[in-house]
PDB file of N, CA and C in Angstrom:
ATOM      1  N   MET A   1      48.538 110.905  94.404  1.00  0.00           N
ATOM      2  CA  MET A   1      49.565 111.183  95.377  1.00  0.00           C
ATOM      3  C   MET A   1      50.705 110.105  95.236  1.00  0.00           C
ATOM      4  N   PRO A   2      51.727 110.223  94.767  1.00  0.00           N
ATOM      5  CA  PRO A   2      52.933 109.624  94.608  1.00  0.00           C
ATOM      6  C   PRO A   2      52.952 108.326  95.902  1.00  0.00           C
ATOM      7  N   ASN A   3      52.755 107.228  95.672  1.00  0.00           N
ATOM      8  CA  ASN A   3      52.759 105.995  96.860  1.00  0.00           C
ATOM      9  C   ASN A   3      54.119 105.309  96.171  1.00  0.00           C
ATOM     10  N   CYS A   4      54.514 104.934  98.311  1.00  0.00           N
ATOM     11  CA  CYS A   4      56.023 103.735  97.853  1.00  0.00           C
ATOM     12  C   CYS A   4      55.300 102.769  96.758  1.00  0.00           C
ATOM     13  N   PRO A   5      56.314 101.897  96.309  1.00  0.00           N
ATOM     14  CA  PRO A   5      56.360 100.709  95.711  1.00  0.00           C
ATOM     15  C   PRO A   5      55.429  99.846  96.391  1.00  0.00           C
ATOM     16  N   VAL A   6      56.259  99.691  97.731  1.00  0.00           N
ATOM     17  CA  VAL A   6      56.685  98.054  98.293  1.00  0.00           C
ATOM     18  C   VAL A   6      54.890  98.276  99.080  1.00  0.00           C
ATOM     19  N   CYS A   7      55.244  99.184  99.634  1.00  0.00           N
ATOM     20  CA  CYS A   7      54.012  99.656 101.178  1.00  0.00           C
ATOM     21  C   CYS A   7      52.632  99.822 100.931  1.00  0.00           C
ATOM     22  N   LYS A   8      53.315 100.499  99.541  1.00  0.00           N
ATOM     23  CA  LYS A   8      51.624 101.330  98.842  1.00  0.00           C
ATOM     24  C   LYS A   8      50.785 102.477  99.849  1.00  0.00           C
ATOM     25  N   GLU A   9      51.989 102.773 100.897  1.00  0.00           N
ATOM     26  CA  GLU A   9      51.179 103.676 101.568  1.00  0.00           C
ATOM     27  C   GLU A   9      52.084 105.444 101.144  1.00  0.00           C
ATOM     28  N   SER A  10      50.999 106.231 100.996  1.00  0.00           N
ATOM     29  CA  SER A  10      51.537 107.320 100.771  1.00  0.00           C
ATOM     30  C   SER A  10      52.992 108.306 100.826  1.00  0.00           C
ATOM     31  N   ARG A  11      53.713 108.792 100.267  1.00  0.00           N
ATOM     32  CA  ARG A  11      55.312 109.518 100.864  1.00  0.00           C
ATOM     33  C   ARG A  11      54.793 110.478 101.029  1.00  0.00           C
ATOM     34  N   TYR A  12      53.808 111.595 100.949  1.00  0.00           N
ATOM     35  CA  TYR A  12      53.051 112.218 101.836  1.00  0.00           C
ATOM     36  C   TYR A  12      52.607 113.014 103.197  1.00  0.00           C
ATOM     37  N   LYS A  13      52.891 113.252 104.122  1.00  0.00           N
ATOM     38  CA  LYS A  13      51.830 113.732 105.102  1.00  0.00           C
ATOM     39  C   LYS A  13      50.553 114.440 104.218  1.00  0.00           C
ATOM     40  N   LYS A  14      50.022 115.661 104.110  1.00  0.00           N
ATOM     41  CA  LYS A  14      49.137 116.313 103.864  1.00  0.00           C
ATOM     42  C   LYS A  14      49.832 117.511 102.882  1.00  0.00           C
ATOM     43  N   LYS A  15      48.611 118.445 102.236  1.00  0.00           N
ATOM     44  CA  LYS A  15      49.287 119.155 101.564  1.00  0.00           C
ATOM     45  C   LYS A  15      48.923 120.594 102.050  1.00  0.00           C
ATOM     46  N   THR A  16      49.996 121.450 102.256  1.00  0.00           N
ATOM     47  CA  THR A  16      49.174 122.559 101.961  1.00  0.00           C
ATOM     48  C   THR A  16      48.452 123.766 101.885  1.00  0.00           C
ATOM     49  N   LYS A  17      48.570 125.116 102.863  1.00  0.00           N
ATOM     50  CA  LYS A  17      47.878 125.255 101.841  1.00  0.00           C
ATOM     51  C   LYS A  17      47.448 126.235 100.138  1.00  0.00           C
ATOM     52  N   ALA A  18      48.625 126.498  99.955  1.00  0.00           N
ATOM     53  CA  ALA A  18      49.195 126.878  98.775  1.00  0.00           C
ATOM     54  C   ALA A  18      49.376 125.369  98.030  1.00  0.00           C
ATOM     55  N   GLY A  19      47.856 123.570  98.151  1.00  0.00           N
ATOM     56  CA  GLY A  19      48.195 122.960  97.236  1.00  0.00           C
ATOM     57  C   GLY A  19      49.617 122.016  97.073  1.00  0.00           C
ATOM     58  N   LYS A  20      50.927 122.417  98.148  1.00  0.00           N
ATOM     59  CA  LYS A  20      51.835 121.650  97.564  1.00  0.00           C
ATOM     60  C   LYS A  20      52.225 120.532  98.643  1.00  0.00           C
ATOM     61  N   LEU A  21      52.317 119.452  98.672  1.00  0.00           N
ATOM     62  CA  LEU A  21      52.741 118.550  98.853  1.00  0.00           C
ATOM     63  C   LEU A  21      54.118 118.205 100.260  1.00  0.00           C
ATOM     64  N   VAL A  22      53.917 117.795 101.775  1.00  0.00           N
ATOM     65  CA  VAL A  22      54.712 117.546 101.786  1.00  0.00           C
ATOM     66  C   VAL A  22      55.254 116.574 102.468  1.00  0.00           C
ATOM     67  N   ALA A  23      56.529 116.091 102.139  1.00  0.00           N
ATOM     68  CA  ALA A  23      57.249 115.174 102.217  1.00  0.00           C
ATOM     69  C   ALA A  23      57.249 114.354 103.904  1.00  0.00           C
ATOM     70  N   LYS A  24      56.613 113.315 104.060  1.00  0.00           N
ATOM     71  CA  LYS A  24      57.163 112.525 105.545  1.00  0.00           C
ATOM     72  C   LYS A  24      58.492 112.289 106.091  1.00  0.00           C
ATOM     73  N   LYS A  25      59.284 111.890 104.889  1.00  0.00           N
ATOM     74  CA  LYS A  25      60.512 111.790 105.901  1.00  0.00           C
ATOM     75  C   LYS A  25      61.613 112.638 104.337  1.00  0.00           C
ATOM     76  N   ILE A  26      62.521 113.268 104.899  1.00  0.00           N
ATOM     77  CA  ILE A  26      62.977 114.400 104.371  1.00  0.00           C
ATOM     78  C   ILE A  26      65.245 113.847 104.399  1.00  0.00           C
ATOM     79  N   VAL A  27      66.183 113.173 103.550  1.00  0.00           N
ATOM     80  CA  VAL A  27      67.383 113.187 103.781  1.00  0.00           C
ATOM     81  C   VAL A  27      68.039 114.428 103.668  1.00  0.00           C
ATOM     82  N   ARG A  28      68.617 115.253 104.357  1.00  0.00           N
ATOM     83  CA  ARG A  28      68.733 115.753 105.124  1.00  0.00           C
ATOM     84  C   ARG A  28      70.918 115.991 104.165  1.00  0.00           C
ATOM     85  N   TYR A  29      71.122 117.325 102.733  1.00  0.00           N
ATOM     86  CA  TYR A  29      72.446 116.836 102.588  1.00  0.00           C
ATOM     87  C   TYR A  29      73.659 117.217 103.497  1.00  0.00           C
ATOM     88  N   PHE A  30      74.640 116.992 103.880  1.00  0.00           N
ATOM     89  CA  PHE A  30      75.406 116.753 104.595  1.00  0.00           C
ATOM     90  C   PHE A  30      76.698 117.187 103.485  1.00  0.00           C
ATOM     91  N   PRO A  31      77.281 119.476 103.255  1.00  0.00           N
ATOM     92  CA  PRO A  31      78.274 118.717 102.331  1.00  0.00           C
ATOM     93  C   PRO A  31      79.799 118.832 103.443  1.00  0.00           C
ATOM     94  N   LEU A  32      80.181 117.496 102.302  1.00  0.00           N
ATOM     95  CA  LEU A  32      81.556 117.297 103.364  1.00  0.00           C
ATOM     96  C   LEU A  32      82.333 117.711 103.028  1.00  0.00           C
ATOM     97  N   THR A  33      83.157 117.792 101.749  1.00  0.00           N
ATOM     98  CA  THR A  33      84.490 118.400 101.173  1.00  0.00           C
ATOM     99  C   THR A  33      84.644 120.216 101.925  1.00  0.00           C
ATOM    100  N   PRO A  34      84.025 120.506 102.396  1.00  0.00           N
ATOM    101  CA  PRO A  34      83.925 122.101 102.944  1.00  0.00           C
ATOM    102  C   PRO A  34      84.484 121.750 104.600  1.00  0.00           C
ATOM    103  N   ARG A  35      83.595 120.666 105.010  1.00  0.00           N
ATOM    104  CA  ARG A  35      83.989 121.086 106.389  1.00  0.00           C
ATOM    105  C   ARG A  35      85.587 120.196 107.118  1.00  0.00           C
ATOM    106  N   LEU A  36      85.974 119.168 105.359  1.00  0.00           N
ATOM    107  CA  LEU A  36      87.145 118.795 105.232  1.00  0.00           C
ATOM    108  C   LEU A  36      88.038 119.482 105.280  1.00  0.00           C
ATOM    109  N   GLN A  37      88.069 119.609 104.357  1.00  0.00           N
ATOM    110  CA  GLN A  37      89.235 121.448 104.433  1.00  0.00           C
ATOM    111  C   GLN A  37      89.256 122.085 105.226  1.00  0.00           C
ATOM    112  N   ARG A  38      88.026 122.315 105.956  1.00  0.00           N
ATOM    113  CA  ARG A  38      88.351 123.389 106.534  1.00  0.00           C
ATOM    114  C   ARG A  38      89.594 123.349 107.811  1.00  0.00           C
ATOM    115  N   MET A  39      89.062 121.114 108.746  1.00  0.00           N
ATOM    116  CA  MET A  39      89.861 120.940 109.108  1.00  0.00           C
ATOM    117  C   MET A  39      91.333 120.939 109.412  1.00  0.00           C
ATOM    118  N   PHE A  40      91.188 119.973 108.198  1.00  0.00           N
ATOM    119  CA  PHE A  40      93.270 120.669 107.161  1.00  0.00           C
ATOM    120  C   PHE A  40      93.595 121.778 107.321  1.00  0.00           C
ATOM    121  N   ASN A  41      93.160 122.412 107.614  1.00  0.00           N
ATOM    122  CA  ASN A  41      93.346 124.144 107.755  1.00  0.00           C
ATOM    123  C   ASN A  41      93.647 124.491 109.068  1.00  0.00           C
ATOM    124  N   THR A  42      92.984 123.082 110.365  1.00  0.00           N
ATOM    125  CA  THR A  42      92.731 124.593 111.131  1.00  0.00           C
ATOM    126  C   THR A  42      94.568 123.267 111.708  1.00  0.00           C
ATOM    127  N   LYS A  43      95.532 124.134 112.058  1.00  0.00           N
ATOM    128  CA  LYS A  43      96.681 123.136 112.759  1.00  0.00           C
ATOM    129  C   LYS A  43      96.741 121.712 113.213  1.00  0.00           C
ATOM    130  N   HIS A  44      95.834 122.212 114.582  1.00  0.00           N
ATOM    131  CA  HIS A  44      96.115 120.992 115.642  1.00  0.00           C
ATOM    132  C   HIS A  44      94.983 120.024 114.698  1.00  0.00           C
ATOM    133  N   ILE A  45      93.882 120.160 114.294  1.00  0.00           N
ATOM    134  CA  ILE A  45      93.043 119.171 113.846  1.00  0.00           C
ATOM    135  C   ILE A  45      93.619 118.394 113.165  1.00  0.00           C
ATOM    136  N   ALA A  46      94.561 119.553 112.037  1.00  0.00           N
ATOM    137  CA  ALA A  46      95.030 118.771 111.091  1.00  0.00           C
ATOM    138  C   ALA A  46      96.002 117.744 111.213  1.00  0.00           C
ATOM    139  N   LYS A  47      96.875 117.820 112.546  1.00  0.00           N
ATOM    140  CA  LYS A  47      97.673 117.052 113.631  1.00  0.00           C
ATOM    141  C   LYS A  47      96.813 115.672 113.726  1.00  0.00           C
ATOM    142  N   TRP A  48      95.724 115.696 114.605  1.00  0.00           N
ATOM    143  CA  TRP A  48      95.358 114.461 114.567  1.00  0.00           C
ATOM    144  C   TRP A  48      93.873 113.724 113.483  1.00  0.00           C
ATOM    145  N   MET A  49      93.964 114.624 112.322  1.00  0.00           N
ATOM    146  CA  MET A  49      93.694 113.778 110.775  1.00  0.00           C
ATOM    147  C   MET A  49      94.740 113.039 110.215  1.00  0.00           C
ATOM    148  N   THR A  50      95.899 113.374 110.660  1.00  0.00           N
ATOM    149  CA  THR A  50      96.531 112.308 110.254  1.00  0.00           C
ATOM    150  C   THR A  50      97.605 111.193 111.079  1.00  0.00           C
ATOM    151  N   TRP A  51      96.871 111.796 112.269  1.00  0.00           N
ATOM    152  CA  TRP A  51      97.708 110.543 113.088  1.00  0.00           C
ATOM    153  C   TRP A  51      97.119 108.761 113.094  1.00  0.00           C
ATOM    154  N   HIS A  52      96.664 108.388 112.427  1.00  0.00           N
ATOM    155  CA  HIS A  52      96.490 107.116 112.062  1.00  0.00           C
ATOM    156  C   HIS A  52      98.194 106.283 111.295  1.00  0.00           C
ATOM    157  N   ALA A  53      97.719 107.525 110.383  1.00  0.00           N
ATOM    158  CA  ALA A  53      99.858 107.274 109.524  1.00  0.00           C
ATOM    159  C   ALA A  53     100.911 107.036 110.921  1.00  0.00           C
ATOM    160  N   THR A  54     100.536 108.268 111.783  1.00  0.00           N
ATOM    161  CA  THR A  54     102.271 108.540 112.975  1.00  0.00           C
ATOM    162  C   THR A  54     101.468 107.537 114.226  1.00  0.00           C
ATOM    163  N   GLY A  55     100.686 107.635 114.567  1.00  0.00           N
ATOM    164  CA  GLY A  55     100.613 107.567 116.421  1.00  0.00           C
ATOM    165  C   GLY A  55     100.071 105.835 116.271  1.00  0.00           C
ATOM    166  N   GLN A  56     100.517 104.949 115.352  1.00  0.00           N
ATOM    167  CA  GLN A  56      99.632 103.499 115.898  1.00  0.00           C
ATOM    168  C   GLN A  56     100.747 102.615 116.940  1.00  0.00           C
ATOM    169  N   SER A  57      99.716 101.965 117.056  1.00  0.00           N
ATOM    170  CA  SER A  57      99.883 101.776 118.607  1.00  0.00           C
ATOM    171  C   SER A  57     101.574  99.761 117.838  1.00  0.00           C
ATOM    172  N   LYS A  58     102.157 100.846 119.461  1.00  0.00           N
ATOM    173  CA  LYS A  58     103.382 100.129 118.992  1.00  0.00           C
ATOM    174  C   LYS A  58     102.913  98.104 119.989  1.00  0.00           C
ATOM    175  N   GLU A  59     102.712  98.009 120.833  1.00  0.00           N
ATOM    176  CA  GLU A  59     102.543  97.081 121.369  1.00  0.00           C
ATOM    177  C   GLU A  59     102.093  95.387 120.398  1.00  0.00           C
ATOM    178  N   LYS A  60     102.425  95.163 120.257  1.00  0.00           N
ATOM    179  CA  LYS A  60     101.883  94.015 119.245  1.00  0.00           C
ATOM    180  C   LYS A  60     100.617  93.112 119.906  1.00  0.00           C
ATOM    181  N   GLY A  61      99.549  93.530 118.947  1.00  0.00           N
ATOM    182  CA  GLY A  61      98.209  92.803 119.990  1.00  0.00           C
ATOM    183  C   GLY A  61      96.999  93.890 120.149  1.00  0.00           C
ATOM    184  N   LYS A  62      98.035  95.096 120.328  1.00  0.00           N
ATOM    185  CA  LYS A  62      96.927  96.219 121.293  1.00  0.00           C
ATOM    186  C   LYS A  62      96.449  96.891 119.975  1.00  0.00           C
ATOM    187  N   MET A  63      95.157  96.929 120.257  1.00  0.00           N
ATOM    188  CA  MET A  63      94.061  97.953 118.663  1.00  0.00           C
ATOM    189  C   MET A  63      94.014  99.257 120.542  1.00  0.00           C
ATOM    190  N   ASN A  64      94.208 100.339 119.269  1.00  0.00           N
ATOM    191  CA  ASN A  64      94.005 101.326 120.448  1.00  0.00           C
ATOM    192  C   ASN A  64      92.726 102.656 119.207  1.00  0.00           C
ATOM    193  N   HIS A  65      93.162 102.231 118.227  1.00  0.00           N
ATOM    194  CA  HIS A  65      92.299 102.826 116.981  1.00  0.00           C
ATOM    195  C   HIS A  65      92.264 102.345 116.623  1.00  0.00           C
ATOM    196  N   PRO A  66      90.940 101.910 114.890  1.00  0.00           N
ATOM    197  CA  PRO A  66      91.043 101.531 113.916  1.00  0.00           C
ATOM    198  C   PRO A  66      92.299 100.958 113.236  1.00  0.00           C
ATOM    199  N   CYS A  67      93.032 102.006 113.112  1.00  0.00           N
ATOM    200  CA  CYS A  67      94.103 101.270 112.074  1.00  0.00           C
ATOM    201  C   CYS A  67      95.044 100.459 112.503  1.00  0.00           C
ATOM    202  N   ASP A  68      94.602 100.263 113.694  1.00  0.00           N
ATOM    203  CA  ASP A  68      95.725  99.491 114.503  1.00  0.00           C
ATOM    204  C   ASP A  68      94.980  97.429 113.874  1.00  0.00           C
ATOM    205  N   GLY A  69      94.277  97.676 113.159  1.00  0.00           N
ATOM    206  CA  GLY A  69      93.282  96.595 113.283  1.00  0.00           C
ATOM    207  C   GLY A  69      93.224  96.006 111.567  1.00  0.00           C
ATOM    208  N   ARG A  70      92.897  94.467 111.787  1.00  0.00           N
ATOM    209  CA  ARG A  70      93.163  93.823 110.606  1.00  0.00           C
ATOM    210  C   ARG A  70      93.238  94.420 109.634  1.00  0.00           C
ATOM    211  N   ALA A  71      91.587  94.919 109.135  1.00  0.00           N
ATOM    212  CA  ALA A  71      90.836  94.950 108.455  1.00  0.00           C
ATOM    213  C   ALA A  71      91.563  96.639 107.743  1.00  0.00           C
ATOM    214  N   TRP A  72      92.278  97.390 108.452  1.00  0.00           N
ATOM    215  CA  TRP A  72      92.603  98.628 108.106  1.00  0.00           C
ATOM    216  C   TRP A  72      93.468  97.963 107.406  1.00  0.00           C
ATOM    217  N   LYS A  73      94.687  97.440 108.071  1.00  0.00           N
ATOM    218  CA  LYS A  73      95.801  96.733 107.616  1.00  0.00           C
ATOM    219  C   LYS A  73      95.413  96.094 105.667  1.00  0.00           C
ATOM    220  N   TYR A  74      94.586  95.419 105.699  1.00  0.00           N
ATOM    221  CA  TYR A  74      94.426  95.234 104.489  1.00  0.00           C
ATOM    222  C   TYR A  74      93.905  95.971 102.882  1.00  0.00           C
ATOM    223  N   PHE A  75      93.222  97.094 104.150  1.00  0.00           N
ATOM    224  CA  PHE A  75      92.580  97.569 103.614  1.00  0.00           C
ATOM    225  C   PHE A  75      93.810  98.578 102.710  1.00  0.00           C
ATOM    226  N   ASP A  76      95.173  98.567 103.206  1.00  0.00           N
ATOM    227  CA  ASP A  76      96.637  99.566 103.231  1.00  0.00           C
ATOM    228  C   ASP A  76      97.481  98.588 101.618  1.00  0.00           C
ATOM    229  N   MET A  77      97.145  97.185 102.589  1.00  0.00           N
ATOM    230  CA  MET A  77      97.751  96.503 100.983  1.00  0.00           C
ATOM    231  C   MET A  77      97.219  96.211  99.943  1.00  0.00           C
ATOM    232  N   MET A  78      95.627  96.143  99.470  1.00  0.00           N
ATOM    233  CA  MET A  78      95.157  96.221  98.409  1.00  0.00           C
ATOM    234  C   MET A  78      95.176  97.264  97.751  1.00  0.00           C
ATOM    235  N   LYS A  79      94.989  99.194  98.419  1.00  0.00           N
ATOM    236  CA  LYS A  79      94.766  99.636  97.873  1.00  0.00           C
ATOM    237  C   LYS A  79      95.751 100.704  98.638  1.00  0.00           C
ATOM    238  N   PRO A  80      97.634 100.785  98.027  1.00  0.00           N
ATOM    239  CA  PRO A  80      98.599 101.207  98.227  1.00  0.00           C
ATOM    240  C   PRO A  80      98.582 102.800  97.693  1.00  0.00           C
ATOM    241  N   GLU A  81      97.858 103.124  96.990  1.00  0.00           N
ATOM    242  CA  GLU A  81      97.899 104.053  95.958  1.00  0.00           C
ATOM    243  C   GLU A  81      96.697 105.645  97.167  1.00  0.00           C
ATOM    244  N   PHE A  82      96.119 104.716  97.480  1.00  0.00           N
ATOM    245  CA  PHE A  82      95.008 105.255  98.692  1.00  0.00           C
ATOM    246  C   PHE A  82      96.292 106.256 100.075  1.00  0.00           C
ATOM    247  N   SER A  83      96.604 105.047 100.735  1.00  0.00           N
ATOM    248  CA  SER A  83      97.240 104.522 101.985  1.00  0.00           C
ATOM    249  C   SER A  83      98.713 105.334 101.575  1.00  0.00           C
ATOM    250  N   GLY A  84      98.744 105.351 100.918  1.00  0.00           N
ATOM    251  CA  GLY A  84     100.303 106.166 101.198  1.00  0.00           C
ATOM    252  C   GLY A  84     100.704 107.797 101.087  1.00  0.00           C
ATOM    253  N   ASP A  85      99.100 108.214 101.379  1.00  0.00           N
ATOM    254  CA  ASP A  85      99.301 109.569 101.790  1.00  0.00           C
ATOM    255  C   ASP A  85      98.687 109.575 103.365  1.00  0.00           C
ATOM    256  N   ALA A  86      99.484 109.825 104.165  1.00  0.00           N
ATOM    257  CA  ALA A  86      98.430 110.275 105.165  1.00  0.00           C
ATOM    258  C   ALA A  86      97.235 112.011 105.260  1.00  0.00           C
ATOM    259  N   ARG A  87      96.747 111.923 104.169  1.00  0.00           N
ATOM    260  CA  ARG A  87      95.845 113.078 104.899  1.00  0.00           C
ATOM    261  C   ARG A  87      94.991 112.900 103.673  1.00  0.00           C
ATOM    262  N   ASN A  88      94.657 111.131 103.349  1.00  0.00           N
ATOM    263  CA  ASN A  88      93.479 110.989 102.310  1.00  0.00           C
ATOM    264  C   ASN A  88      92.707 110.582 103.910  1.00  0.00           C
ATOM    265  N   VAL A  89      91.462 110.813 103.745  1.00  0.00           N
ATOM    266  CA  VAL A  89      90.201 110.184 104.956  1.00  0.00           C
ATOM    267  C   VAL A  89      90.110 108.988 104.785  1.00  0.00           C
ATOM    268  N   ARG A  90      89.539 107.976 105.852  1.00  0.00           N
ATOM    269  CA  ARG A  90      88.558 107.001 105.498  1.00  0.00           C
ATOM    270  C   ARG A  90      87.053 107.602 106.299  1.00  0.00           C
ATOM    271  N   LEU A  91      85.916 107.454 105.636  1.00  0.00           N
ATOM    272  CA  LEU A  91      85.289 107.592 106.556  1.00  0.00           C
ATOM    273  C   LEU A  91      83.989 106.511 107.017  1.00  0.00           C
ATOM    274  N   GLY A  92      83.709 105.850 108.147  1.00  0.00           N
ATOM    275  CA  GLY A  92      82.486 105.711 108.337  1.00  0.00           C
ATOM    276  C   GLY A  92      81.719 106.155 108.636  1.00  0.00           C
ATOM    277  N   LEU A  93      80.521 104.568 107.984  1.00  0.00           N
ATOM    278  CA  LEU A  93      79.586 105.243 108.164  1.00  0.00           C
ATOM    279  C   LEU A  93      78.598 104.464 109.537  1.00  0.00           C
ATOM    280  N   ALA A  94      78.163 105.105 110.393  1.00  0.00           N
ATOM    281  CA  ALA A  94      77.763 103.819 111.761  1.00  0.00           C
ATOM    282  C   ALA A  94      75.499 104.763 111.635  1.00  0.00           C
ATOM    283  N   ALA A  95      74.796 104.344 111.155  1.00  0.00           N
ATOM    284  CA  ALA A  95      73.833 104.047 111.035  1.00  0.00           C
ATOM    285  C   ALA A  95      72.600 103.881 112.078  1.00  0.00           C
ATOM    286  N   ASP A  96      72.952 102.721 113.359  1.00  0.00           N
ATOM    287  CA  ASP A  96      72.396 102.315 114.197  1.00  0.00           C
ATOM    288  C   ASP A  96      70.980 102.136 113.798  1.00  0.00           C
ATOM    289  N   GLY A  97      70.812 101.401 112.963  1.00  0.00           N
ATOM    290  CA  GLY A  97      69.902 100.871 112.859  1.00  0.00           C
ATOM    291  C   GLY A  97      68.300 101.466 112.005  1.00  0.00           C
ATOM    292  N   PHE A  98      69.262 102.939 111.959  1.00  0.00           N
ATOM    293  CA  PHE A  98      68.543 103.652 111.253  1.00  0.00           C
ATOM    294  C   PHE A  98      68.048 103.564 109.745  1.00  0.00           C
ATOM    295  N   ASN A  99      67.404 104.135 109.190  1.00  0.00           N
ATOM    296  CA  ASN A  99      66.497 103.424 107.428  1.00  0.00           C
ATOM    297  C   ASN A  99      65.998 104.846 107.618  1.00  0.00           C
ATOM    298  N   PRO A 100      66.352 105.504 106.217  1.00  0.00           N
ATOM    299  CA  PRO A 100      65.900 107.047 105.707  1.00  0.00           C
ATOM    300  C   PRO A 100      64.157 105.972 104.690  1.00  0.00           C
ATOM    301  N   PHE A 101      64.822 104.986 104.266  1.00  0.00           N
ATOM    302  CA  PHE A 101      63.362 104.957 103.762  1.00  0.00           C
ATOM    303  C   PHE A 101      62.365 103.333 104.329  1.00  0.00           C
ATOM    304  N   ALA A 102      62.475 102.758 105.660  1.00  0.00           N
ATOM    305  CA  ALA A 102      62.234 102.061 105.882  1.00  0.00           C
ATOM    306  C   ALA A 102      61.213 102.108 107.106  1.00  0.00           C
TER     307      ALA A 102
END
């Protein structure tokens, strides 16, 4: 059985009756493109998807959305070809300490 190169523990729980191995951990595939396409095809959701380009806070120093933050503005300055189109989507990944391989 294949083992982890770090801890040397088996990567599999058991064998099935058919002799196949069952993995301990499984990383699921999340098809993002079709989901984003459906969101832009819905009129009211498409409006929300482009809010970052039109609805920024008017009050100086007040942050209502990540687009009001310094990191977002710095990215806009560094990548003007990306930030020029309001339909471009920025994704953030929050794992909350989840690590699928450890």
